[in-house]
């Protein structure tokens, strides 16, 4: 069995989760069985599963397993309930206890604690979960009990974990979450008594838990979704991305490392020249085998731009807004921009729209689970990210025949976009936002001056390597080799 290892999923996800969804699609095409494996407690898991089309028998959640029992590992949730939440509020109007009843049949009781800290904006005392109990709604038995601990270095972690009525009726105790996750993997290996491949997509915890468990029947693949480096200013001592450092200092513990672009693979071989067979390139996104694209379609008036991402600071969506305001006001281009996504930077983006008096042609559209159906309505795709391991939205936009205007960022933009052929690449500065905005504006000017038909034709020529059947064959070859 192949397991995609991640913390959890939500209603809005990053490129990591969408890469997993795409991988599931092509593994199914290749006839390879798989499961999504989540190790964090999610009090409303069924809702995002429905949103993203994940079947009940495709998902294993660690806490649902510990609560629902052994049959769950093979068959998923058998009895569904209505999701609801109840709060106990004391005389000071403070939340003291929260009861969550999940659709999967978990009754999660959060015992709240007041913190001495005050919220910076609201000036209210902060309240957090201190102690959690989990009951099986079908049997009413208490199945788990643990505490949250605010570690000064690792932020909030769990400790003092009790599991009740486990296999054989056992009461088990784990002093920390790492021991618990390792036990979870041990139970999975017993239930799926075959050669199991764990593809770790996110989290150092599963790396620590799995690395020493590798054997002939258990193989680990680590998938790198972002730039593995912060910088290589001193070639002797590369500064690794915090999220990849544990992997890159324990490469002997994994069977393969998968990166999304050949550029990133070659970059990694600078630091690990003897790992050429271990580091492999498989794109995390692809295009339909027979896309139906109208290559003669002309740009509209107004020309319609689209961007889609988490509204996070590293995506620089406000830079896109500012560059398009310049294109509109200084160059007189009749245009619209629709922004898809949600996140903590929505306020900053709204302000950029207001400051540019652009509310009549730039719109925040919220999240969409059907972007592939939205892309064909637009003329070009924009991105403001300084770093993309692949850029899943790039390949989706190219698949719809949309030229791309983005920053000249490692690695996805440089691999997928060729200046003047299927899009345009802008220089950027990490310390001078005005420079980056102006460079993006100039890239947009080059786009407006280019032959749109040629750009559109080239989008299709350049994505042939990324067709579904090609990527499915890549995964089949990798899995068969293990």
Protein backbone atom coordinates (compact mmCIF):
# COMPACT_ATOMS: atom_id res chain seq x y z
CA UNK A 1 0.00 0.00 0.00
CA UNK A 2 1.11 3.56 -0.68
CA UNK A 3 0.40 6.20 1.96
CA UNK A 4 0.50 9.97 1.38
CA UNK A 5 1.61 11.32 4.77
CA UNK A 6 0.41 14.77 5.82
CA UNK A 7 -0.87 16.52 8.93
CA UNK A 8 -4.42 17.08 7.71
CA UNK A 9 -6.45 18.92 5.07
CA UNK A 10 -8.86 21.83 5.27
CA UNK A 11 -11.38 23.69 3.17
CA UNK A 12 -8.52 25.80 1.82
CA UNK A 13 -5.20 24.11 1.14
CA UNK A 14 -1.73 24.87 -0.13
CA UNK A 15 -0.02 23.46 -3.20
CA UNK A 16 1.16 20.49 -1.11
CA UNK A 17 -2.36 19.16 -0.67
CA UNK A 18 -3.30 19.82 -4.29
CA UNK A 19 -0.15 17.96 -5.34
CA UNK A 20 -1.39 15.00 -3.29
CA UNK A 21 -4.81 15.17 -4.93
CA UNK A 22 -3.18 15.16 -8.37
CA UNK A 23 -0.85 12.29 -7.44
CA UNK A 24 -3.86 10.26 -6.34
CA UNK A 25 -5.45 10.87 -9.72
CA UNK A 26 -2.45 9.64 -11.73
CA UNK A 27 -1.75 6.69 -9.40
CA UNK A 28 -5.33 5.58 -9.99
CA UNK A 29 -4.68 5.93 -13.72
CA UNK A 30 -1.60 3.74 -13.27
CA UNK A 31 -3.59 1.14 -11.31
CA UNK A 32 -1.77 1.76 -8.01
CA UNK A 33 -3.69 1.67 -4.72
CA UNK A 34 -3.09 4.44 -2.16
CA UNK A 35 -4.43 6.11 0.98
CA UNK A 36 -4.30 9.66 2.35
CA UNK A 37 -2.76 9.41 5.82
CA UNK A 38 -3.37 12.26 8.30
CA UNK A 39 -1.84 12.28 11.77
CA UNK A 40 -3.37 15.44 13.28
CA UNK A 41 -6.71 15.73 15.05
CA UNK A 42 -9.23 17.36 12.71
CA UNK A 43 -12.58 18.16 14.32
CA UNK A 44 -14.30 18.52 10.94
CA UNK A 45 -12.48 16.22 8.50
CA UNK A 46 -15.48 15.03 6.50
CA UNK A 47 -16.31 18.51 5.16
CA UNK A 48 -12.96 19.04 3.35
CA UNK A 49 -13.03 15.40 2.22
CA UNK A 50 -16.31 16.12 0.43
CA UNK A 51 -15.04 19.42 -0.94
CA UNK A 52 -11.95 17.83 -2.47
CA UNK A 53 -13.57 14.58 -3.56
CA UNK A 54 -11.81 12.16 -1.20
CA UNK A 55 -13.66 8.90 -0.65
CA UNK A 56 -14.31 7.44 2.79
CA UNK A 57 -12.12 4.42 1.95
CA UNK A 58 -9.24 6.65 0.75
CA UNK A 59 -8.54 8.40 4.05
CA UNK A 60 -6.98 7.22 7.31
CA UNK A 61 -6.75 9.64 10.22
CA UNK A 62 -4.68 8.65 13.23
CA UNK A 63 -7.15 9.89 15.84
CA UNK A 64 -10.13 8.35 14.06
CA UNK A 65 -8.30 5.02 14.09
CA UNK A 66 -7.53 5.21 17.81
CA UNK A 67 -11.19 6.06 18.46
CA UNK A 68 -13.06 3.86 15.99
CA UNK A 69 -10.92 0.71 16.11
CA UNK A 70 -9.20 -1.80 13.86
CA UNK A 71 -11.89 -2.13 11.16
CA UNK A 72 -11.50 1.56 10.39
CA UNK A 73 -8.02 1.02 8.91
CA UNK A 74 -9.40 -1.04 6.04
CA UNK A 75 -12.99 0.18 5.67
CA UNK A 76 -13.07 3.77 6.90
CA UNK A 77 -15.95 5.32 8.84
CA UNK A 78 -18.98 3.02 8.99
CA UNK A 79 -21.51 5.13 10.92
CA UNK A 80 -21.93 8.83 10.26
CA UNK A 81 -23.32 11.49 12.59
CA UNK A 82 -24.37 15.12 12.38
CA UNK A 83 -21.55 17.56 13.11
CA UNK A 84 -22.24 19.92 16.02
CA UNK A 85 -20.47 21.97 18.68
CA UNK A 86 -21.51 22.97 22.20
CA UNK A 87 -19.79 25.53 24.43
CA UNK A 88 -19.74 25.96 28.19
CA UNK A 89 -19.26 29.65 29.04
CA UNK A 90 -18.64 30.86 32.59
CA UNK A 91 -19.94 33.97 34.38
CA UNK A 92 -17.09 36.08 32.96
CA UNK A 93 -18.21 35.17 29.42
CA UNK A 94 -15.13 32.97 28.98
CA UNK A 95 -15.18 29.69 27.06
CA UNK A 96 -14.40 26.89 29.52
CA UNK A 97 -15.31 23.71 27.64
CA UNK A 98 -16.05 22.87 24.02
CA UNK A 99 -17.77 19.64 22.94
CA UNK A 100 -17.38 18.79 19.25
CA UNK A 101 -19.36 15.92 17.74
CA UNK A 102 -17.78 14.95 14.41
CA UNK A 103 -19.47 13.31 11.45
CA UNK A 104 -17.03 10.42 11.82
CA UNK A 105 -18.28 9.60 15.32
CA UNK A 106 -15.71 11.30 17.56
CA UNK A 107 -16.87 13.29 20.58
CA UNK A 108 -13.96 15.66 21.25
CA UNK A 109 -13.98 17.51 24.58
CA UNK A 110 -11.65 20.51 24.80
CA UNK A 111 -11.08 21.79 28.33
CA UNK A 112 -10.10 25.44 27.95
CA UNK A 113 -7.61 27.50 29.90
CA UNK A 114 -7.15 31.26 30.18
CA UNK A 115 -3.77 32.57 29.09
CA UNK A 116 -2.08 35.57 30.72
CA UNK A 117 -1.58 37.07 27.26
CA UNK A 118 -3.90 39.63 25.67
CA UNK A 119 -4.78 39.56 21.97
CA UNK A 120 -2.88 42.41 20.30
CA UNK A 121 -5.84 43.69 18.29
CA UNK A 122 -8.98 42.84 20.29
CA UNK A 123 -7.32 43.29 23.73
CA UNK A 124 -9.23 40.21 24.93
CA UNK A 125 -7.67 37.54 27.12
CA UNK A 126 -6.60 34.56 25.05
CA UNK A 127 -8.22 31.19 25.68
CA UNK A 128 -6.77 27.90 24.46
CA UNK A 129 -7.33 24.17 24.72
CA UNK A 130 -5.33 22.67 27.57
CA UNK A 131 -6.69 19.16 27.97
CA UNK A 132 -8.51 17.01 25.39
CA UNK A 133 -10.63 13.90 25.77
CA UNK A 134 -11.98 11.86 22.84
CA UNK A 135 -14.98 9.54 23.11
CA UNK A 136 -16.42 7.05 20.62
CA UNK A 137 -19.96 8.29 19.90
CA UNK A 138 -21.09 4.78 18.94
CA UNK A 139 -19.95 3.06 22.17
CA UNK A 140 -19.72 6.15 24.45
CA UNK A 141 -16.34 4.91 25.69
CA UNK A 142 -13.50 7.31 26.37
CA UNK A 143 -10.76 6.37 23.89
CA UNK A 144 -8.07 9.04 24.27
CA UNK A 145 -6.88 11.72 26.63
CA UNK A 146 -3.94 14.15 26.25
CA UNK A 147 -2.60 17.57 27.19
CA UNK A 148 -1.34 20.50 25.15
CA UNK A 149 1.97 22.03 26.17
CA UNK A 150 3.31 25.38 24.99
CA UNK A 151 6.97 24.58 24.34
CA UNK A 152 9.17 27.71 24.01
CA UNK A 153 11.02 26.20 21.03
CA UNK A 154 8.50 23.89 19.33
CA UNK A 155 5.34 25.92 20.01
CA UNK A 156 2.27 23.88 21.00
CA UNK A 157 2.87 20.14 21.31
CA UNK A 158 0.93 17.28 22.88
CA UNK A 159 2.12 15.18 25.80
CA UNK A 160 0.92 12.69 28.44
CA UNK A 161 -1.22 10.78 25.95
CA UNK A 162 -3.48 7.95 27.12
CA UNK A 163 -5.21 5.55 24.72
CA UNK A 164 -7.97 3.32 26.09
CA UNK A 165 -9.62 0.11 24.82
CA UNK A 166 -7.06 -0.38 22.08
CA UNK A 167 -6.31 -3.69 20.34
CA UNK A 168 -6.73 -6.40 22.96
CA UNK A 169 -8.37 -3.92 25.34
CA UNK A 170 -5.07 -2.28 26.22
CA UNK A 171 -4.59 1.02 28.03
CA UNK A 172 -1.50 2.64 26.49
CA UNK A 173 0.52 5.65 27.60
CA UNK A 174 2.86 7.84 25.52
CA UNK A 175 4.79 10.70 27.03
CA UNK A 176 4.96 12.62 23.74
CA UNK A 177 3.45 12.83 20.28
CA UNK A 178 6.46 11.29 18.53
CA UNK A 179 6.03 8.01 20.38
CA UNK A 180 2.34 8.05 19.48
CA UNK A 181 2.95 8.62 15.76
CA UNK A 182 5.55 5.84 15.67
CA UNK A 183 3.07 3.46 17.31
CA UNK A 184 0.45 4.48 14.73
CA UNK A 185 2.79 3.54 11.88
CA UNK A 186 3.53 0.21 13.58
CA UNK A 187 -0.19 -0.56 13.69
CA UNK A 188 -0.57 0.37 10.02
CA UNK A 189 2.23 -1.98 9.05
CA UNK A 190 0.53 -4.83 10.90
CA UNK A 191 -2.84 -4.11 9.29
CA UNK A 192 -1.37 -3.75 5.79
CA UNK A 193 0.99 -6.70 6.00
CA UNK A 194 2.66 -6.12 2.65
CA UNK A 195 5.30 -3.85 1.18
CA UNK A 196 4.24 -0.36 2.25
CA UNK A 197 5.57 2.87 0.78
CA UNK A 198 5.20 6.06 2.81
CA UNK A 199 5.37 9.25 0.75
CA UNK A 200 6.00 12.05 3.24
CA UNK A 201 4.59 15.32 1.93
CA UNK A 202 4.64 17.46 5.05
CA UNK A 203 6.01 17.28 8.57
CA UNK A 204 9.24 16.49 10.38
CA UNK A 205 7.36 14.32 12.91
CA UNK A 206 6.61 11.50 10.45
CA UNK A 207 10.21 11.66 9.21
CA UNK A 208 11.55 11.15 12.73
CA UNK A 209 9.00 8.38 13.34
CA UNK A 210 9.56 6.49 10.09
CA UNK A 211 13.23 6.87 9.27
CA UNK A 212 14.44 4.18 11.66
CA UNK A 213 11.64 1.81 10.65
CA UNK A 214 12.71 1.32 7.02
CA UNK A 215 13.05 -2.33 5.96
CA UNK A 216 12.46 -4.58 2.96
CA UNK A 217 8.71 -4.21 3.60
CA UNK A 218 8.69 -0.51 4.47
CA UNK A 219 10.09 2.14 2.16
CA UNK A 220 10.10 5.91 2.66
CA UNK A 221 9.90 8.50 -0.10
CA UNK A 222 10.25 12.15 0.85
CA UNK A 223 8.61 14.66 -1.49
CA UNK A 224 10.10 18.18 -1.50
CA UNK A 225 7.47 20.75 -2.47
CA UNK A 226 9.48 23.98 -2.09
CA UNK A 227 13.00 25.33 -2.51
CA UNK A 228 15.25 23.17 -0.34
CA UNK A 229 17.58 26.12 0.30
CA UNK A 230 17.30 29.44 2.04
CA UNK A 231 20.59 30.45 0.43
CA UNK A 232 23.99 29.20 -0.71
CA UNK A 233 25.99 32.34 -0.01
CA UNK A 234 28.78 30.18 1.37
CA UNK A 235 29.03 27.16 -1.00
CA UNK A 236 30.66 25.09 1.75
CA UNK A 237 27.75 25.55 4.15
CA UNK A 238 24.40 25.77 2.35
CA UNK A 239 21.57 27.03 4.53
CA UNK A 240 18.74 24.54 4.14
CA UNK A 241 15.05 25.32 4.37
CA UNK A 242 13.96 24.54 7.96
CA UNK A 243 11.29 22.14 6.71
CA UNK A 244 13.80 20.08 4.71
CA UNK A 245 16.85 20.20 6.98
CA UNK A 246 16.06 16.98 8.87
CA UNK A 247 15.62 15.08 5.61
CA UNK A 248 18.75 16.52 4.01
CA UNK A 249 20.86 15.53 7.02
CA UNK A 250 19.39 11.98 7.06
CA UNK A 251 19.31 11.07 3.37
CA UNK A 252 20.55 7.57 4.12
CA UNK A 253 17.17 6.87 5.78
CA UNK A 254 15.01 7.34 2.66
CA UNK A 255 14.74 5.25 -0.48
CA UNK A 256 14.03 8.18 -2.81
CA UNK A 257 13.65 11.96 -2.73
CA UNK A 258 11.18 13.36 -5.24
CA UNK A 259 11.39 16.92 -6.55
CA UNK A 260 9.04 18.51 -9.05
CA UNK A 261 11.51 19.97 -11.55
CA UNK A 262 14.78 18.90 -13.14
CA UNK A 263 16.20 22.33 -12.25
CA UNK A 264 15.72 21.59 -8.57
CA UNK A 265 17.23 18.12 -8.93
CA UNK A 266 20.35 19.57 -10.54
CA UNK A 267 20.52 22.22 -7.82
CA UNK A 268 20.38 19.55 -5.10
CA UNK A 269 23.15 17.58 -6.79
CA UNK A 270 25.47 20.54 -6.20
CA UNK A 271 25.33 19.73 -2.48
CA UNK A 272 24.78 15.97 -2.82
CA UNK A 273 26.72 14.94 -5.94
CA UNK A 274 26.68 11.23 -5.04
CA UNK A 275 22.87 11.07 -4.74
CA UNK A 276 22.00 11.12 -8.43
CA UNK A 277 20.11 7.82 -8.32
CA UNK A 278 18.28 8.71 -5.13
CA UNK A 279 16.94 12.13 -6.17
CA UNK A 280 14.32 11.85 -8.92
CA UNK A 281 12.16 14.32 -10.81
CA UNK A 282 8.41 13.78 -11.02
CA UNK A 283 6.15 16.82 -11.61
CA UNK A 284 3.54 17.34 -8.90
CA UNK A 285 0.95 18.51 -11.40
CA UNK A 286 0.02 17.82 -14.98
CA UNK A 287 -2.39 18.34 -17.84
CA UNK A 288 -5.09 16.23 -19.39
CA UNK A 289 -3.89 13.87 -22.08
CA UNK A 290 -6.19 15.38 -24.71
CA UNK A 291 -6.88 19.00 -23.76
CA UNK A 292 -9.52 20.75 -25.84
CA UNK A 293 -8.11 24.25 -26.31
CA UNK A 294 -9.24 26.90 -28.78
CA UNK A 295 -5.83 28.12 -29.90
CA UNK A 296 -7.38 30.85 -32.07
CA UNK A 297 -9.15 32.49 -29.14
CA UNK A 298 -8.35 36.20 -28.94
CA UNK A 299 -7.94 38.18 -25.71
CA UNK A 300 -11.04 40.02 -24.58
CA UNK A 301 -11.71 43.69 -24.08
CA UNK A 302 -11.25 44.13 -21.21
CA UNK A 303 -8.41 41.64 -21.06
CA UNK A 304 -9.12 39.24 -18.20
CA UNK A 305 -6.37 38.26 -15.76
CA UNK A 306 -6.60 35.60 -13.06
CA UNK A 307 -4.47 34.68 -10.06
CA UNK A 308 -5.11 31.84 -7.60
CA UNK A 309 -3.24 31.01 -4.40
CA UNK A 310 -3.38 31.13 -0.65
CA UNK A 311 -3.57 34.79 0.29
CA UNK A 312 -0.29 34.56 2.19
CA UNK A 313 2.46 37.15 2.47
CA UNK A 314 4.93 35.10 0.40
CA UNK A 315 2.49 35.09 -2.55
CA UNK A 316 2.70 38.92 -2.92
CA UNK A 317 -0.79 39.23 -4.39
CA UNK A 318 -0.76 42.91 -3.41
CA UNK A 319 2.21 43.35 -5.80
CA UNK A 320 0.05 41.96 -8.60
CA UNK A 321 -2.68 44.46 -7.73
CA UNK A 322 -0.22 47.37 -7.73
CA UNK A 323 1.37 46.32 -11.04
CA UNK A 324 -2.03 46.04 -12.72
CA UNK A 325 -3.09 49.43 -11.37
CA UNK A 326 0.00 50.87 -13.10
CA UNK A 327 -0.89 49.02 -16.32
CA UNK A 328 -4.44 50.36 -16.10
CA UNK A 329 -3.68 53.95 -15.07
CA UNK A 330 -0.35 54.65 -16.79
CA UNK A 331 -0.76 52.56 -19.95
CA UNK A 332 -4.52 52.84 -20.39
CA UNK A 333 -5.11 49.08 -20.61
CA UNK A 334 -8.73 48.02 -20.16
CA UNK A 335 -8.46 45.02 -17.82
CA UNK A 336 -9.95 42.97 -15.02
CA UNK A 337 -8.33 40.78 -12.36
CA UNK A 338 -10.07 38.05 -10.41
CA UNK A 339 -8.24 36.86 -7.28
CA UNK A 340 -9.09 33.33 -6.09
CA UNK A 341 -8.06 32.17 -2.64
CA UNK A 342 -8.31 32.98 1.05
CA UNK A 343 -5.84 33.76 3.79
CA UNK A 344 -4.41 36.16 6.30
CA UNK A 345 -3.29 38.72 3.68
CA UNK A 346 -6.81 39.48 2.46
CA UNK A 347 -6.85 42.78 4.37
CA UNK A 348 -3.58 43.95 2.81
CA UNK A 349 -4.85 43.04 -0.66
CA UNK A 350 -8.14 44.88 -0.09
CA UNK A 351 -6.19 47.97 0.94
CA UNK A 352 -4.04 47.78 -2.21
CA UNK A 353 -7.23 47.62 -4.28
CA UNK A 354 -8.72 50.59 -2.41
CA UNK A 355 -5.51 52.63 -2.60
CA UNK A 356 -5.42 52.06 -6.36
CA UNK A 357 -9.11 52.94 -6.81
CA UNK A 358 -9.37 49.58 -8.55
CA UNK A 359 -12.49 48.16 -6.95
CA UNK A 360 -14.43 48.30 -10.21
CA UNK A 361 -12.01 46.02 -12.08
CA UNK A 362 -10.18 43.93 -9.43
CA UNK A 363 -12.28 41.42 -7.48
CA UNK A 364 -11.62 39.03 -4.60
CA UNK A 365 -13.48 35.86 -5.59
CA UNK A 366 -12.79 33.66 -2.55
CA UNK A 367 -11.94 29.98 -2.74
CA UNK A 368 -12.87 27.68 -5.59
CA UNK A 369 -12.62 23.91 -5.88
CA UNK A 370 -13.24 24.11 -9.64
CA UNK A 371 -10.42 26.31 -10.91
CA UNK A 372 -9.87 24.03 -13.90
CA UNK A 373 -13.31 25.13 -15.10
CA UNK A 374 -12.55 28.80 -14.39
CA UNK A 375 -9.24 29.15 -16.26
CA UNK A 376 -10.70 28.98 -19.81
CA UNK A 377 -12.73 32.13 -19.07
CA UNK A 378 -9.53 34.20 -18.75
CA UNK A 379 -6.77 35.50 -21.01
CA UNK A 380 -3.63 35.23 -18.84
CA UNK A 381 -2.46 34.00 -15.45
CA UNK A 382 -0.46 36.10 -12.97
CA UNK A 383 1.67 35.11 -9.97
CA UNK A 384 3.59 37.20 -7.46
CA UNK A 385 5.47 34.42 -5.69
CA UNK A 386 9.24 34.67 -5.25
CA UNK A 387 9.62 30.89 -4.86
CA UNK A 388 7.62 27.93 -6.14
CA UNK A 389 8.88 24.36 -6.00
CA UNK A 390 6.69 23.68 -9.01
CA UNK A 391 3.76 26.05 -9.29
CA UNK A 392 0.72 23.82 -9.64
CA UNK A 393 -1.45 26.72 -10.76
CA UNK A 394 1.09 27.50 -13.51
CA UNK A 395 0.61 24.11 -15.14
CA UNK A 396 -3.18 24.31 -14.70
CA UNK A 397 -3.21 27.70 -16.41
CA UNK A 398 -0.94 26.54 -19.24
CA UNK A 399 -3.24 23.56 -19.69
CA UNK A 400 -6.06 26.03 -20.39
CA UNK A 401 -3.93 27.92 -22.92
CA UNK A 402 -3.18 30.89 -20.64
CA UNK A 403 0.19 32.64 -20.96
CA UNK A 404 1.83 33.35 -17.59
CA UNK A 405 3.35 36.53 -16.18
CA UNK A 406 5.31 35.94 -12.98
CA UNK A 407 8.58 36.59 -11.20
CA UNK A 408 11.76 34.82 -12.32
CA UNK A 409 11.70 32.54 -9.28
CA UNK A 410 13.25 29.17 -8.45
CA UNK A 411 12.22 26.57 -9.57
CA UNK A 412 8.77 26.24 -11.08
CA UNK A 413 8.62 29.55 -12.91
CA UNK A 414 12.03 29.03 -14.50
CA UNK A 415 11.15 25.50 -15.60
CA UNK A 416 7.62 26.10 -16.87
CA UNK A 417 7.81 29.64 -18.29
CA UNK A 418 10.10 30.64 -21.15
CA UNK A 419 10.44 34.39 -21.61
CA UNK A 420 8.58 35.60 -24.68
CA UNK A 421 7.36 32.14 -25.68
CA UNK A 422 4.62 31.07 -23.27
CA UNK A 423 4.88 33.92 -20.78
CA UNK A 424 7.10 36.57 -19.24
CA UNK A 425 9.45 36.55 -16.24
CA UNK A 426 10.04 39.62 -14.07
CA UNK A 427 13.10 40.33 -11.97
CA UNK A 428 12.48 40.97 -8.26
CA UNK A 429 14.12 42.23 -5.09
CA UNK A 430 13.48 40.74 -1.67
CA UNK A 431 14.31 44.09 -0.07
CA UNK A 432 12.70 46.60 -2.46
CA UNK A 433 8.96 46.02 -3.05
CA UNK A 434 8.64 49.03 -5.36
CA UNK A 435 11.32 47.58 -7.64
CA UNK A 436 9.49 44.24 -7.78
CA UNK A 437 6.18 45.92 -8.60
CA UNK A 438 7.75 47.95 -11.41
CA UNK A 439 9.47 44.87 -12.85
CA UNK A 440 6.16 43.01 -12.84
CA UNK A 441 4.56 46.02 -14.53
CA UNK A 442 7.22 45.91 -17.26
CA UNK A 443 6.65 42.17 -17.77
CA UNK A 444 2.94 42.93 -18.21
CA UNK A 445 3.85 45.56 -20.80
CA UNK A 446 5.87 42.95 -22.71
CA UNK A 447 2.89 40.61 -22.55
CA UNK A 448 0.57 43.28 -23.97
CA UNK A 449 3.00 43.93 -26.85
CA UNK A 450 3.44 40.24 -27.75
CA UNK A 451 1.56 38.17 -30.33
CA UNK A 452 -1.14 36.52 -28.23
CA UNK A 453 -1.82 33.70 -30.69
CA UNK A 454 1.85 32.63 -30.64
CA UNK A 455 1.93 32.68 -26.85
CA UNK A 456 -1.21 30.57 -26.72
CA UNK A 457 0.08 27.98 -29.20
CA UNK A 458 3.34 27.70 -27.26
CA UNK A 459 1.52 26.94 -24.00
CA UNK A 460 0.43 23.63 -25.51
CA UNK A 461 3.79 22.74 -27.02
CA UNK A 462 5.54 23.19 -23.69
CA UNK A 463 3.20 21.09 -21.53
CA UNK A 464 3.49 17.80 -23.42
CA UNK A 465 6.05 16.55 -20.87
CA UNK A 466 3.40 17.10 -18.20
CA UNK A 467 0.56 15.04 -19.64
CA UNK A 468 -1.18 12.75 -17.15
CA UNK A 469 -0.14 9.49 -18.79
CA UNK A 470 3.54 10.54 -18.76
CA UNK A 471 3.49 11.39 -15.05
CA UNK A 472 1.51 8.24 -14.24
CA UNK A 473 4.27 6.24 -15.95
CA UNK A 474 6.91 8.09 -13.89
CA UNK A 475 5.20 7.06 -10.65
CA UNK A 476 4.70 3.49 -11.86
CA UNK A 477 8.41 3.22 -12.67
CA UNK A 478 9.40 4.58 -9.25
CA UNK A 479 7.01 2.33 -7.31
CA UNK A 480 8.00 -0.78 -9.28
CA UNK A 481 11.68 -0.08 -8.56
CA UNK A 482 10.98 -0.23 -4.81
